[in-house]
Structure formats: C-alpha cells, structure tokens
N, C-alpha and C. Protein backbone atom coordinates (compact mmCIF):
# COMPACT_ATOMS: atom_id res chain seq x y z
N UNK A 1 219.66 -90.49 126.61
CA UNK A 1 219.51 -89.83 125.56
C UNK A 1 221.13 -90.08 124.71
N UNK A 2 220.99 -90.35 123.58
CA UNK A 2 222.68 -90.49 122.50
C UNK A 2 222.61 -89.25 122.64
N UNK A 3 223.91 -88.73 122.33
CA UNK A 3 224.57 -87.97 121.65
C UNK A 3 223.71 -87.31 120.47
N UNK A 4 224.26 -88.76 119.51
CA UNK A 4 223.19 -88.83 117.40
C UNK A 4 222.19 -88.32 118.20
N UNK A 5 221.26 -88.68 119.28
CA UNK A 5 219.64 -88.22 119.75
C UNK A 5 219.16 -86.56 119.85
N UNK A 6 220.17 -86.68 120.56
CA UNK A 6 220.26 -84.92 121.28
C UNK A 6 220.64 -83.69 119.72
N UNK A 7 221.56 -84.59 119.20
CA UNK A 7 221.52 -83.56 117.59
C UNK A 7 221.30 -83.58 116.83
N UNK A 8 220.31 -84.32 116.68
CA UNK A 8 218.81 -84.48 115.60
C UNK A 8 218.09 -84.10 116.27
N UNK A 9 217.50 -83.72 117.72
CA UNK A 9 216.74 -82.52 118.29
C UNK A 9 217.03 -81.34 117.87
N UNK A 10 218.42 -80.78 117.96
CA UNK A 10 218.61 -79.65 118.45
C UNK A 10 218.48 -79.05 116.50
N UNK A 11 218.81 -80.04 115.67
CA UNK A 11 218.97 -79.34 113.97
C UNK A 11 216.77 -78.78 113.09
N UNK A 12 215.91 -79.80 113.77
CA UNK A 12 214.99 -78.66 113.40
C UNK A 12 215.02 -77.51 113.91
N UNK A 13 215.24 -77.01 115.49
CA UNK A 13 214.84 -75.88 116.13
C UNK A 13 216.46 -74.84 115.64
N UNK A 14 216.97 -75.47 114.98
CA UNK A 14 218.36 -74.32 114.72
C UNK A 14 217.50 -74.01 113.07
N UNK A 15 216.87 -74.94 112.26
CA UNK A 15 216.20 -74.67 110.98
C UNK A 15 215.81 -73.75 111.39
N UNK A 16 214.09 -73.84 112.60
CA UNK A 16 214.31 -72.74 112.11
C UNK A 16 214.62 -71.07 112.54
N UNK A 17 215.05 -71.20 113.64
CA UNK A 17 216.07 -69.45 114.46
C UNK A 17 216.76 -69.65 113.08
N UNK A 18 216.91 -70.18 112.15
CA UNK A 18 218.21 -69.31 110.64
C UNK A 18 216.93 -68.85 109.84
N UNK A 19 215.65 -69.96 109.72
CA UNK A 19 214.55 -69.12 109.12
C UNK A 19 213.66 -67.79 109.37
N UNK A 20 213.77 -67.91 111.01
CA UNK A 20 213.17 -67.14 111.21
C UNK A 20 214.06 -65.40 111.15
N UNK A 21 215.35 -65.88 111.19
CA UNK A 21 216.61 -64.67 111.20
C UNK A 21 216.43 -64.14 109.60
N UNK A 22 216.13 -65.15 109.14
CA UNK A 22 215.96 -65.10 107.63
C UNK A 22 214.86 -63.87 106.69
N UNK A 23 213.74 -63.84 108.29
CA UNK A 23 212.66 -63.21 107.66
C UNK A 23 212.98 -61.71 107.82
N UNK A 24 213.52 -61.86 109.37
CA UNK A 24 214.02 -60.33 110.01
C UNK A 24 214.33 -59.35 109.62
N UNK A 25 215.44 -59.66 108.39
CA UNK A 25 216.31 -58.58 108.03
C UNK A 25 215.66 -58.46 106.90
N UNK A 26 216.14 -56.82 105.83
CA UNK A 26 216.00 -56.41 105.42
C UNK A 26 216.41 -56.12 103.91
N UNK A 27 217.27 -57.54 103.65
CA UNK A 27 217.60 -57.69 102.21
C UNK A 27 219.14 -57.65 102.49
N UNK A 28 219.70 -58.04 101.82
CA UNK A 28 221.51 -57.77 101.65
C UNK A 28 221.70 -56.94 102.66
N UNK A 29 221.35 -57.27 104.46
CA UNK A 29 222.73 -56.71 105.31
C UNK A 29 221.39 -55.28 105.52
N UNK A 30 220.40 -54.65 104.93
CA UNK A 30 220.08 -53.83 105.04
C UNK A 30 218.77 -54.29 106.95
N UNK A 31 218.76 -53.41 107.61
CA UNK A 31 217.90 -53.44 108.77
C UNK A 31 216.26 -53.51 108.32
N UNK A 32 215.57 -54.27 109.11
CA UNK A 32 214.08 -54.28 108.45
C UNK A 32 213.60 -52.77 108.42
N UNK A 33 214.02 -52.58 109.59
CA UNK A 33 213.22 -51.18 109.83
C UNK A 33 213.66 -50.29 108.17
N UNK A 34 215.06 -50.76 108.01
CA UNK A 34 215.57 -49.63 107.20
C UNK A 34 214.89 -49.87 105.67
N UNK A 35 214.52 -51.14 105.68
CA UNK A 35 214.33 -51.07 104.23
C UNK A 35 212.70 -50.95 104.43
N UNK A 36 211.59 -51.36 105.63
CA UNK A 36 210.59 -50.34 105.33
C UNK A 36 210.50 -49.00 105.03
N UNK A 37 211.16 -48.58 105.92
CA UNK A 37 211.07 -46.44 105.12
C UNK A 37 211.83 -47.06 103.94
N UNK A 38 212.51 -46.86 103.67
CA UNK A 38 213.16 -46.88 101.84
C UNK A 38 212.07 -47.99 101.42
N UNK A 39 210.64 -48.39 101.44
CA UNK A 39 210.50 -49.28 100.11
C UNK A 39 209.26 -48.00 101.08
N UNK A 40 209.00 -47.79 102.08
CA UNK A 40 207.67 -46.44 101.71
C UNK A 40 207.59 -45.28 101.41
N UNK A 41 208.81 -44.46 101.33
CA UNK A 41 209.19 -43.94 101.43
C UNK A 41 209.25 -43.54 98.96
N UNK A 42 209.82 -44.42 98.70
CA UNK A 42 209.54 -45.42 96.85
C UNK A 42 208.49 -45.18 96.66
N UNK A 43 207.11 -45.54 98.07
CA UNK A 43 206.25 -46.53 97.10
C UNK A 43 205.28 -44.95 97.11
N UNK A 44 205.28 -43.87 97.52
CA UNK A 44 205.31 -42.80 98.20
C UNK A 44 205.09 -41.78 97.23
N UNK A 45 206.44 -42.01 96.66
CA UNK A 45 207.07 -41.48 95.60
C UNK A 45 206.49 -41.50 94.13
N UNK A 46 207.06 -42.88 93.76
CA UNK A 46 206.71 -43.46 92.44
C UNK A 46 204.99 -43.44 92.38
N UNK A 47 204.37 -43.79 93.19
CA UNK A 47 202.48 -43.21 93.39
C UNK A 47 201.88 -42.27 93.39
N UNK A 48 202.92 -41.30 93.32
CA UNK A 48 202.63 -39.59 93.80
C UNK A 48 202.80 -38.91 92.76
N UNK A 49 203.46 -39.76 91.60
CA UNK A 49 204.15 -38.65 90.66
C UNK A 49 205.56 -37.91 91.25
N UNK A 50 205.84 -37.85 92.15
CA UNK A 50 207.45 -37.91 92.10
C UNK A 50 209.10 -38.57 92.09
N UNK A 51 208.32 -39.34 91.46
CA UNK A 51 209.27 -40.92 91.44
C UNK A 51 209.65 -41.21 90.24
N UNK A 52 210.57 -42.00 90.06
CA UNK A 52 210.91 -41.93 88.48
C UNK A 52 210.93 -43.45 87.87
N UNK A 53 211.28 -43.98 86.51
CA UNK A 53 211.37 -45.49 86.09
C UNK A 53 212.09 -46.09 87.05
N UNK A 54 212.90 -45.38 87.57
CA UNK A 54 214.27 -46.13 88.46
C UNK A 54 213.68 -46.57 90.15
N UNK A 55 212.07 -46.45 89.94
CA UNK A 55 212.65 -46.71 91.45
C UNK A 55 210.88 -48.31 91.06
N UNK A 56 210.80 -48.38 90.00
CA UNK A 56 210.30 -49.49 88.96
C UNK A 56 210.55 -50.34 88.70
N UNK A 57 210.82 -51.82 89.02
CA UNK A 57 211.09 -53.05 88.64
C UNK A 57 211.83 -53.44 87.50
N UNK A 58 213.05 -53.81 86.82
CA UNK A 58 212.97 -53.32 85.65
C UNK A 58 212.29 -52.03 84.60
N UNK A 59 212.52 -51.43 85.01
CA UNK A 59 211.75 -50.18 84.62
C UNK A 59 212.05 -49.77 82.79
N UNK A 60 213.62 -50.41 82.49
CA UNK A 60 213.67 -50.07 81.56
C UNK A 60 212.64 -51.00 80.06
N UNK A 61 212.59 -52.17 81.07
CA UNK A 61 211.13 -53.01 79.63
C UNK A 61 210.06 -52.65 79.62
N UNK A 62 209.71 -51.56 81.05
CA UNK A 62 208.47 -50.67 80.97
C UNK A 62 208.46 -49.60 80.63
N UNK A 63 208.89 -49.46 79.90
CA UNK A 63 209.43 -47.59 79.34
C UNK A 63 208.26 -47.10 79.19
N UNK A 64 207.55 -47.90 77.84
CA UNK A 64 206.52 -47.65 76.57
C UNK A 64 205.27 -47.40 78.05
N UNK A 65 205.24 -48.55 79.05
CA UNK A 65 203.87 -48.57 80.04
C UNK A 65 204.04 -46.71 80.66
N UNK A 66 204.94 -47.11 81.34
CA UNK A 66 205.41 -45.70 82.31
C UNK A 66 205.07 -45.06 81.79
N UNK A 67 205.32 -44.48 80.85
CA UNK A 67 205.81 -42.93 80.39
C UNK A 67 204.08 -42.67 79.89
N UNK A 68 203.26 -43.87 79.11
CA UNK A 68 201.49 -44.21 78.98
C UNK A 68 201.00 -43.57 80.02
N UNK A 69 201.34 -44.33 81.21
CA UNK A 69 200.54 -44.00 82.43
C UNK A 69 201.15 -42.60 82.59
N UNK A 70 202.10 -42.05 82.65
CA UNK A 70 202.28 -40.49 83.04
C UNK A 70 201.63 -39.47 82.52
N UNK A 71 201.26 -40.36 81.48
CA UNK A 71 200.76 -38.89 80.23
C UNK A 71 198.91 -39.01 80.66
N UNK A 72 198.07 -40.12 81.85
CA UNK A 72 196.78 -40.71 81.59
C UNK A 72 196.34 -39.11 82.92
N UNK A 73 195.46 -38.58 82.89
CA UNK A 73 194.95 -37.70 83.53
C UNK A 73 194.63 -38.53 85.13
N UNK A 74 194.54 -39.40 85.46
CA UNK A 74 193.97 -40.63 86.40
C UNK A 74 195.53 -40.64 87.35
N UNK A 75 195.87 -40.65 86.64
CA UNK A 75 197.87 -41.47 86.84
C UNK A 75 197.88 -39.53 87.82
N UNK A 76 197.70 -38.67 87.44
CA UNK A 76 198.43 -37.57 88.13
C UNK A 76 197.77 -37.16 88.82
N UNK A 77 196.29 -37.77 89.18
CA UNK A 77 196.16 -36.95 90.66
C UNK A 77 195.88 -38.30 91.88
N UNK A 78 196.90 -39.48 91.71
CA UNK A 78 196.92 -40.74 92.67
C UNK A 78 198.21 -40.59 93.59
N UNK A 79 197.72 -40.84 94.82
CA UNK A 79 198.82 -40.87 95.25
C UNK A 79 198.40 -41.84 96.18
N UNK A 80 200.00 -42.35 96.88
CA UNK A 80 199.26 -44.13 97.58
C UNK A 80 199.77 -43.77 99.11
N UNK A 81 198.83 -43.90 100.27
CA UNK A 81 198.74 -44.22 101.33
C UNK A 81 199.93 -45.92 102.21
N UNK A 82 200.88 -45.83 101.79
CA UNK A 82 201.33 -47.10 102.77
C UNK A 82 200.65 -46.86 104.34
N UNK A 83 200.43 -48.31 104.38
CA UNK A 83 199.80 -48.33 105.50
C UNK A 83 200.83 -49.64 106.35
N UNK A 84 200.93 -50.45 105.78
CA UNK A 84 202.29 -51.75 106.53
C UNK A 84 202.76 -52.20 105.53
N UNK A 85 204.31 -52.46 105.57
CA UNK A 85 205.77 -52.86 105.14
C UNK A 85 206.03 -54.61 106.13
N UNK A 86 205.59 -55.76 105.11
CA UNK A 86 206.17 -56.30 105.64
C UNK A 86 207.29 -57.55 105.49
N UNK A 87 208.43 -57.29 105.26
CA UNK A 87 210.02 -58.38 104.79
C UNK A 87 209.63 -59.28 104.81
N UNK A 88 209.74 -60.14 103.73
CA UNK A 88 208.94 -61.77 103.46
C UNK A 88 210.11 -62.59 103.59
N UNK A 89 210.61 -63.83 103.33
CA UNK A 89 211.15 -64.80 103.19
C UNK A 89 211.28 -65.14 101.65
N UNK A 90 212.15 -65.47 101.26
CA UNK A 90 212.46 -65.81 99.82
C UNK A 90 211.75 -66.74 99.45
N UNK A 91 211.00 -68.01 100.28
CA UNK A 91 210.33 -68.87 99.39
C UNK A 91 208.87 -67.95 99.13
N UNK A 92 208.42 -67.56 100.41
CA UNK A 92 206.86 -66.08 99.77
C UNK A 92 207.20 -65.39 98.68
N UNK A 93 208.19 -65.10 99.03
CA UNK A 93 209.00 -63.71 97.74
C UNK A 93 208.45 -64.91 95.83
N UNK A 94 209.21 -66.06 95.99
CA UNK A 94 208.80 -66.77 95.11
C UNK A 94 207.33 -67.21 94.63
N UNK A 95 206.48 -67.83 95.80
CA UNK A 95 205.23 -67.96 95.64
C UNK A 95 204.40 -66.62 95.43
N UNK A 96 204.62 -65.49 95.81
CA UNK A 96 204.00 -64.72 95.21
C UNK A 96 204.45 -64.09 93.89
N UNK A 97 205.20 -63.98 93.60
CA UNK A 97 205.77 -64.33 91.50
C UNK A 97 207.00 -62.78 91.53
N UNK A 98 207.33 -62.29 92.97
CA UNK A 98 208.44 -61.20 93.08
C UNK A 98 209.88 -62.08 93.41
N UNK A 99 211.49 -61.57 92.35
CA UNK A 99 212.20 -62.29 93.04
C UNK A 99 212.95 -61.83 95.11
N UNK A 100 213.53 -62.36 95.12
CA UNK A 100 214.15 -61.91 96.96
C UNK A 100 215.29 -61.42 97.00
N UNK A 101 215.30 -59.86 97.48
CA UNK A 101 214.28 -59.81 98.63
C UNK A 101 213.24 -59.12 97.96
N UNK A 102 212.30 -59.54 98.77
CA UNK A 102 210.86 -58.71 98.47
C UNK A 102 210.42 -58.10 100.14
N UNK A 103 209.37 -57.32 99.69
CA UNK A 103 208.29 -56.98 100.86
C UNK A 103 206.60 -56.95 100.60
N UNK A 104 205.44 -57.19 101.36
CA UNK A 104 204.31 -57.02 100.80
C UNK A 104 204.68 -55.90 101.71
N UNK A 105 203.53 -55.05 100.79
CA UNK A 105 203.02 -53.95 100.89
C UNK A 105 201.76 -53.49 101.00
N UNK A 106 201.07 -53.03 102.10
CA UNK A 106 199.87 -53.11 102.41
C UNK A 106 199.89 -51.78 102.30
N UNK A 107 198.51 -50.42 101.12
CA UNK A 107 198.49 -49.53 101.27
C UNK A 107 196.86 -48.93 100.31
N UNK A 108 197.00 -48.12 100.74
CA UNK A 108 195.79 -47.50 99.85
C UNK A 108 196.09 -46.35 98.60
N UNK A 109 195.03 -46.60 97.64
CA UNK A 109 194.97 -45.91 96.16
C UNK A 109 194.05 -45.12 96.76
N UNK A 110 194.91 -43.78 96.35
CA UNK A 110 193.53 -42.72 95.42
C UNK A 110 193.57 -41.89 94.75
N UNK A 111 192.54 -41.46 94.39
CA UNK A 111 192.98 -40.37 93.11
C UNK A 111 191.45 -39.60 93.32
N UNK A 112 192.22 -38.15 92.73
CA UNK A 112 191.51 -37.12 92.75
C UNK A 112 190.75 -36.87 94.54
N UNK A 113 191.85 -37.03 95.39
CA UNK A 113 190.85 -37.15 96.69
C UNK A 113 190.67 -38.12 97.82
N UNK A 114 189.73 -39.23 96.54
CA UNK A 114 189.16 -40.34 96.64
C UNK A 114 190.05 -41.65 96.83
N UNK A 115 190.04 -42.01 98.20
CA UNK A 115 190.59 -43.69 97.96
C UNK A 115 189.30 -44.37 97.17
N UNK A 116 190.13 -44.83 96.40
CA UNK A 116 189.79 -46.07 95.41
C UNK A 116 190.26 -47.65 95.51
N UNK A 117 191.53 -47.50 96.16
CA UNK A 117 191.79 -48.90 96.23
C UNK A 117 192.04 -48.95 97.74
N UNK A 118 191.43 -49.13 98.88
CA UNK A 118 191.65 -49.24 99.94
C UNK A 118 192.52 -50.81 99.79
N UNK A 119 193.32 -50.33 101.29
CA UNK A 119 193.71 -51.84 101.75
C UNK A 119 194.39 -53.34 101.47
N UNK A 120 194.86 -52.52 99.78
CA UNK A 120 195.67 -53.06 98.65
C UNK A 120 196.94 -53.85 98.81
N UNK A 121 196.85 -54.38 98.42
CA UNK A 121 198.64 -55.11 98.84
C UNK A 121 199.34 -54.98 97.21
N UNK A 122 200.39 -54.68 97.72
CA UNK A 122 201.31 -54.97 96.72
C UNK A 122 202.69 -55.53 96.94
N UNK A 123 204.16 -55.69 95.96
CA UNK A 123 204.95 -56.09 96.30
C UNK A 123 206.35 -54.35 95.44
N UNK A 124 207.12 -54.58 97.03
CA UNK A 124 208.62 -54.34 96.37
C UNK A 124 209.20 -55.18 96.44
N UNK A 125 210.41 -54.83 96.07
CA UNK A 125 212.07 -56.14 95.85
C UNK A 125 212.64 -54.99 95.63
N UNK A 126 213.67 -55.91 95.58
CA UNK A 126 215.42 -54.98 96.18
C UNK A 126 216.11 -55.32 94.91
N UNK A 127 216.67 -54.75 93.81
CA UNK A 127 216.98 -54.33 92.59
C UNK A 127 218.47 -53.92 92.55
N UNK A 128 219.19 -54.80 92.15
CA UNK A 128 220.64 -53.66 92.73
C UNK A 128 220.68 -52.20 92.88
N UNK A 129 220.55 -52.58 94.70
CA UNK A 129 220.75 -52.41 96.10
C UNK A 129 219.74 -51.44 96.04
N UNK A 130 218.83 -51.25 95.34
CA UNK A 130 217.54 -50.33 96.19
C UNK A 130 216.13 -51.09 96.11
N UNK A 131 215.27 -51.07 97.23
CA UNK A 131 213.81 -51.12 97.47
C UNK A 131 213.02 -50.51 95.53
N UNK A 132 212.33 -51.28 94.72
CA UNK A 132 211.91 -50.64 93.89
C UNK A 132 210.11 -51.34 94.17
N UNK A 133 209.34 -50.44 92.71
CA UNK A 133 207.80 -51.18 93.24
C UNK A 133 208.22 -52.68 91.77
N UNK A 134 207.40 -53.25 92.55
CA UNK A 134 207.57 -54.74 91.44
C UNK A 134 206.40 -54.32 90.44
N UNK A 135 207.44 -54.99 89.33
CA UNK A 135 206.64 -55.12 88.31
C UNK A 135 205.54 -56.06 88.03
N UNK A 136 205.19 -56.98 88.72
CA UNK A 136 204.12 -57.20 88.65
C UNK A 136 202.39 -56.25 89.35
N UNK A 137 203.28 -55.76 90.37
CA UNK A 137 202.22 -54.53 91.37
C UNK A 137 201.25 -53.64 90.11
N UNK A 138 202.60 -52.98 89.35
CA UNK A 138 202.71 -51.81 89.00
C UNK A 138 202.23 -52.61 87.33
N UNK A 139 202.06 -53.73 87.15
CA UNK A 139 201.79 -53.91 85.93
C UNK A 139 200.00 -54.06 86.23
N UNK A 140 200.09 -54.93 87.21
CA UNK A 140 198.27 -55.45 87.57
C UNK A 140 197.61 -53.97 88.20
N UNK A 141 198.14 -53.61 88.62
CA UNK A 141 197.05 -51.34 88.41
C UNK A 141 197.53 -50.65 87.32
N UNK A 142 197.88 -51.42 86.33
CA UNK A 142 197.86 -50.57 85.03
C UNK A 142 196.76 -52.09 84.37
N UNK A 143 196.94 -53.43 84.88
CA UNK A 143 196.26 -53.66 83.75
C UNK A 143 194.52 -53.36 84.73
N UNK A 144 193.90 -53.74 86.12
CA UNK A 144 192.85 -52.26 86.50
C UNK A 144 192.60 -51.35 85.58
N UNK A 145 193.36 -50.55 85.65
CA UNK A 145 193.17 -49.45 85.44
C UNK A 145 192.66 -48.70 84.19
N UNK A 146 192.92 -50.29 83.32
CA UNK A 146 193.08 -50.23 81.73
C UNK A 146 192.26 -51.36 80.91
N UNK A 147 191.73 -51.85 81.29
CA UNK A 147 191.38 -53.50 81.02
C UNK A 147 192.30 -54.90 80.81
N UNK A 148 191.65 -55.29 80.66
CA UNK A 148 192.20 -56.64 80.69
C UNK A 148 193.25 -57.40 79.54
N UNK A 149 193.91 -56.63 78.41
CA UNK A 149 195.18 -56.22 78.27
C UNK A 149 196.50 -56.15 79.45
N UNK A 150 197.62 -56.78 79.26
CA UNK A 150 198.12 -56.79 79.29
C UNK A 150 199.06 -55.14 78.38
N UNK A 151 199.94 -54.56 79.60
CA UNK A 151 200.43 -53.48 79.06
C UNK A 151 201.78 -54.10 78.18
N UNK A 152 202.75 -53.29 77.68
CA UNK A 152 203.86 -53.76 77.00
C UNK A 152 204.80 -53.64 78.03
N UNK A 153 205.24 -54.85 78.07
CA UNK A 153 206.31 -55.17 78.74
C UNK A 153 205.82 -55.56 79.93
N UNK A 154 204.96 -56.06 80.01
CA UNK A 154 204.24 -57.28 81.34
C UNK A 154 204.10 -57.90 80.98
C-alpha cells in the first residue's frame, strides 16, 4: 500500500469522526447535556405560561401572534412535558427549516390536564447565545390550534 493510498483511506474516517463530533455538542461550545437541560427548561416555561417572548426564535417578528396566543383560554391551560432532546447536525437543521445549531424536541402537549398532542416533535434553535423555541414549531402549533391561515409573523 502506498503512502498516498493510505492517506486516501484515512480521509473518509476523519470526515466521519469530525461529523460525529459536530453532532454531539450543544452548539457554541456548550455540552450536549447542558444544551438539553436549557432546552427542556425553556420549553416547559414557554409552553407552561411562565415563559416570555424572549424564549421564542425571532420573537420580535411574532409579537402580535404571541400576544394573541397568551390571551386565549386554551393557552392558559397548556403545559408541555419534554420526553427527549436530540441536538442535530447543521445539515439536519437546514433540512427541517431551522437555523443551526438546533435540536429536535419530542414532547407531550397538555391542555386542561389532558394530553392533546402526545409524542409531538418540534425544534429548538440557539439564537443570541440562548436556546429558544423555534419559530417553525410555534407557528405550526398556532396553525393547528387556529385553522389553516398562518398567524402574523409566521
């Protein structure tokens, strides 16, 4: 085996290992465990009425929809239970229409003490150094609750 041939064989292995390393982190130098904890805390607060628009990706563009949602009786009785968080590779974020870094969140949405959306999947994205509920997840839930028309800012 020539030196050139052995270098060519090592290159795919190196690319694979680098790719796996990129998937395992939490984005921006944060550990995956720390990212998962922050995402879970944000998700529970945001969907439990104890959060704020600052926990929503591009919250300023969604102010009107966010305020309307806050005033709905359904939103006041809503909570979320996070079942799993998986930090995704950058290409998976893009495929799902979410900026990188991102994570897939599997959760149960509850309203009035009843699980209304079991095993739902949504996304969190890191914006300005903080993990936030993705705009796509928020807008999808609003559309599901209110009909087919996209809420303002979505």
